[in-house]
N, C-alpha and C. Protein backbone atom coordinates (compact mmCIF):
# COMPACT_ATOMS: atom_id res chain seq x y z
N MET A 1 15.81 24.58 -26.63
CA MET A 1 16.17 23.24 -26.22
C MET A 1 15.20 22.28 -26.89
N ASP A 2 15.74 21.25 -27.50
CA ASP A 2 14.86 20.30 -28.17
C ASP A 2 14.20 19.36 -27.15
N ARG A 3 13.21 18.66 -27.60
CA ARG A 3 12.39 17.81 -26.72
C ARG A 3 13.23 16.70 -26.07
N LYS A 4 14.12 16.10 -26.81
CA LYS A 4 14.94 15.01 -26.28
C LYS A 4 15.81 15.50 -25.12
N SER A 5 16.42 16.66 -25.28
CA SER A 5 17.25 17.23 -24.21
C SER A 5 16.41 17.54 -22.98
N PHE A 6 15.22 18.07 -23.22
CA PHE A 6 14.34 18.40 -22.11
C PHE A 6 13.94 17.14 -21.34
N VAL A 7 13.59 16.09 -22.05
CA VAL A 7 13.18 14.84 -21.41
C VAL A 7 14.34 14.24 -20.61
N ILE A 8 15.54 14.29 -21.18
CA ILE A 8 16.71 13.76 -20.47
C ILE A 8 16.97 14.57 -19.21
N ARG A 9 16.92 15.88 -19.31
CA ARG A 9 17.16 16.72 -18.14
C ARG A 9 16.08 16.54 -17.08
N ALA A 10 14.82 16.48 -17.51
CA ALA A 10 13.73 16.29 -16.57
C ALA A 10 13.85 14.94 -15.87
N GLY A 11 14.22 13.92 -16.62
CA GLY A 11 14.42 12.59 -16.03
C GLY A 11 15.55 12.59 -15.03
N SER A 12 16.61 13.30 -15.35
CA SER A 12 17.75 13.40 -14.44
C SER A 12 17.36 14.11 -13.15
N VAL A 13 16.61 15.19 -13.28
CA VAL A 13 16.16 15.94 -12.11
C VAL A 13 15.28 15.05 -11.25
N LEU A 14 14.36 14.34 -11.86
CA LEU A 14 13.48 13.45 -11.10
C LEU A 14 14.26 12.35 -10.39
N ALA A 15 15.26 11.79 -11.07
CA ALA A 15 16.06 10.74 -10.46
C ALA A 15 16.82 11.27 -9.24
N VAL A 16 17.41 12.44 -9.37
CA VAL A 16 18.14 13.04 -8.25
C VAL A 16 17.19 13.34 -7.10
N MET A 17 16.03 13.87 -7.43
CA MET A 17 15.05 14.18 -6.38
C MET A 17 14.56 12.91 -5.70
N PHE A 18 14.34 11.85 -6.45
CA PHE A 18 13.90 10.59 -5.87
C PHE A 18 14.96 10.05 -4.92
N VAL A 19 16.22 10.07 -5.33
CA VAL A 19 17.29 9.59 -4.46
C VAL A 19 17.37 10.45 -3.20
N GLY A 20 17.26 11.77 -3.37
CA GLY A 20 17.30 12.66 -2.21
C GLY A 20 16.13 12.43 -1.28
N LEU A 21 14.95 12.27 -1.83
CA LEU A 21 13.77 12.03 -1.01
C LEU A 21 13.87 10.69 -0.30
N THR A 22 14.39 9.69 -0.99
CA THR A 22 14.58 8.38 -0.37
C THR A 22 15.55 8.48 0.80
N ALA A 23 16.63 9.24 0.62
CA ALA A 23 17.59 9.43 1.70
C ALA A 23 16.97 10.17 2.87
N VAL A 24 16.15 11.17 2.59
CA VAL A 24 15.48 11.92 3.64
C VAL A 24 14.53 11.01 4.41
N ILE A 25 13.77 10.21 3.70
CA ILE A 25 12.83 9.30 4.36
C ILE A 25 13.58 8.28 5.20
N ALA A 26 14.65 7.72 4.67
CA ALA A 26 15.43 6.74 5.43
C ALA A 26 16.04 7.37 6.67
N ASP A 27 16.56 8.58 6.53
CA ASP A 27 17.15 9.28 7.66
C ASP A 27 16.09 9.62 8.69
N ALA A 28 14.93 10.08 8.24
CA ALA A 28 13.86 10.45 9.15
C ALA A 28 13.32 9.24 9.89
N SER A 29 13.28 8.10 9.25
CA SER A 29 12.73 6.91 9.89
C SER A 29 13.66 6.36 10.97
N ARG A 30 14.93 6.72 10.94
CA ARG A 30 15.87 6.26 11.97
C ARG A 30 15.76 7.07 13.25
N SER A 31 15.21 8.24 13.18
CA SER A 31 15.13 9.12 14.34
C SER A 31 13.89 8.82 15.16
N CYS A 32 14.06 8.70 16.46
CA CYS A 32 12.93 8.38 17.33
C CYS A 32 12.60 9.54 18.27
N ALA A 33 13.28 10.63 18.17
CA ALA A 33 13.03 11.75 19.07
C ALA A 33 11.66 12.35 18.81
N PHE A 34 10.98 12.75 19.89
CA PHE A 34 9.63 13.30 19.79
C PHE A 34 9.58 14.53 18.91
N GLY A 35 10.52 15.43 19.05
CA GLY A 35 10.52 16.69 18.32
C GLY A 35 10.80 16.55 16.83
N GLN A 36 11.15 15.39 16.39
CA GLN A 36 11.51 15.20 14.99
C GLN A 36 10.29 15.15 14.08
N GLY A 37 9.09 14.98 14.63
CA GLY A 37 7.89 14.90 13.80
C GLY A 37 7.70 16.12 12.94
N ASN A 38 7.85 17.31 13.52
CA ASN A 38 7.70 18.54 12.76
C ASN A 38 8.82 18.72 11.75
N ALA A 39 10.02 18.31 12.12
CA ALA A 39 11.15 18.41 11.19
C ALA A 39 10.94 17.47 10.00
N CYS A 40 10.40 16.29 10.29
CA CYS A 40 10.14 15.32 9.21
C CYS A 40 9.11 15.89 8.23
N ALA A 41 8.02 16.43 8.77
CA ALA A 41 6.97 17.00 7.91
C ALA A 41 7.52 18.19 7.11
N SER A 42 8.34 18.99 7.74
CA SER A 42 8.94 20.14 7.04
C SER A 42 9.84 19.68 5.90
N THR A 43 10.58 18.61 6.15
CA THR A 43 11.45 18.06 5.11
C THR A 43 10.61 17.55 3.94
N CYS A 44 9.50 16.88 4.27
CA CYS A 44 8.60 16.38 3.21
C CYS A 44 8.04 17.53 2.39
N ARG A 45 7.61 18.58 3.07
CA ARG A 45 7.04 19.73 2.36
C ARG A 45 8.07 20.40 1.46
N SER A 46 9.28 20.51 1.97
CA SER A 46 10.34 21.13 1.19
C SER A 46 10.65 20.30 -0.07
N ALA A 47 10.77 18.98 0.11
CA ALA A 47 11.03 18.11 -1.04
C ALA A 47 9.88 18.17 -2.03
N TYR A 48 8.65 18.24 -1.52
CA TYR A 48 7.47 18.33 -2.37
C TYR A 48 7.49 19.62 -3.19
N ASN A 49 7.79 20.73 -2.55
CA ASN A 49 7.85 22.01 -3.26
C ASN A 49 8.93 21.99 -4.33
N ASP A 50 10.09 21.44 -4.00
CA ASP A 50 11.18 21.34 -4.98
C ASP A 50 10.76 20.47 -6.16
N CYS A 51 10.07 19.37 -5.87
CA CYS A 51 9.60 18.48 -6.93
C CYS A 51 8.61 19.19 -7.84
N ARG A 52 7.66 19.88 -7.26
CA ARG A 52 6.64 20.57 -8.05
C ARG A 52 7.27 21.64 -8.95
N ILE A 53 8.28 22.32 -8.43
CA ILE A 53 8.95 23.35 -9.23
C ILE A 53 9.73 22.69 -10.37
N ALA A 54 10.48 21.64 -10.05
CA ALA A 54 11.33 20.98 -11.05
C ALA A 54 10.52 20.30 -12.14
N THR A 55 9.35 19.77 -11.78
CA THR A 55 8.56 19.01 -12.74
C THR A 55 7.39 19.81 -13.28
N LYS A 56 7.32 21.06 -12.91
CA LYS A 56 6.25 21.95 -13.37
C LYS A 56 4.86 21.39 -13.01
N GLY A 57 4.75 20.88 -11.76
CA GLY A 57 3.45 20.45 -11.24
C GLY A 57 3.08 19.01 -11.51
N SER A 58 4.04 18.14 -11.70
CA SER A 58 3.74 16.74 -11.99
C SER A 58 3.00 16.07 -10.83
N ALA A 59 2.06 15.20 -11.18
CA ALA A 59 1.30 14.47 -10.17
C ALA A 59 2.17 13.47 -9.41
N SER A 60 3.30 13.08 -9.96
CA SER A 60 4.17 12.12 -9.27
C SER A 60 4.69 12.71 -7.96
N CYS A 61 4.76 14.02 -7.87
CA CYS A 61 5.20 14.66 -6.64
C CYS A 61 4.21 14.40 -5.50
N ASP A 62 2.93 14.34 -5.83
CA ASP A 62 1.92 14.10 -4.81
C ASP A 62 2.11 12.74 -4.16
N ALA A 63 2.41 11.72 -4.95
CA ALA A 63 2.61 10.37 -4.42
C ALA A 63 3.85 10.32 -3.53
N GLN A 64 4.92 10.99 -3.96
CA GLN A 64 6.14 11.03 -3.16
C GLN A 64 5.90 11.75 -1.84
N PHE A 65 5.14 12.84 -1.90
CA PHE A 65 4.83 13.61 -0.69
C PHE A 65 4.01 12.76 0.28
N GLN A 66 3.02 12.05 -0.23
CA GLN A 66 2.18 11.22 0.63
C GLN A 66 3.02 10.13 1.30
N ALA A 67 3.88 9.49 0.55
CA ALA A 67 4.74 8.44 1.12
C ALA A 67 5.66 9.01 2.19
N CYS A 68 6.19 10.18 1.94
CA CYS A 68 7.08 10.83 2.90
C CYS A 68 6.33 11.15 4.19
N MET A 69 5.15 11.74 4.05
CA MET A 69 4.37 12.10 5.24
C MET A 69 3.94 10.85 6.02
N GLN A 70 3.61 9.78 5.32
CA GLN A 70 3.25 8.54 6.01
C GLN A 70 4.42 7.99 6.79
N SER A 71 5.63 8.15 6.27
CA SER A 71 6.80 7.68 7.00
C SER A 71 7.00 8.50 8.28
N CYS A 72 6.61 9.77 8.24
CA CYS A 72 6.70 10.60 9.44
C CYS A 72 5.70 10.14 10.50
N VAL A 73 4.51 9.76 10.05
CA VAL A 73 3.45 9.33 10.97
C VAL A 73 3.80 7.98 11.60
N ARG A 74 4.40 7.08 10.83
CA ARG A 74 4.72 5.73 11.33
C ARG A 74 5.72 5.73 12.45
N ARG A 75 6.54 6.77 12.55
CA ARG A 75 7.58 6.79 13.57
C ARG A 75 7.00 6.96 14.94
C-alpha cells in the first residue's frame, strides 16, 4: 500500500472514531443514573483501546481519552 492510500485510510479511521467517540460522550452526558459512571468509564477505555490499535499508538488518542473521562466525572 502506498503512503497516500495509507494516509487516506488512517484519516478515515480517525474521523469515524472521532464521530463515534463524540456520540458516546454526548450519549453518556445525557444519562444521570448513578450506575452509569462505570459504564461511561468503560466506554471511554474501549474507545481509547480501539483508537490506539487503529492509529498504532498515536498521542491523539490520549487527548480523546482524557476528554471522555472528564465528561464522565462532570456528570
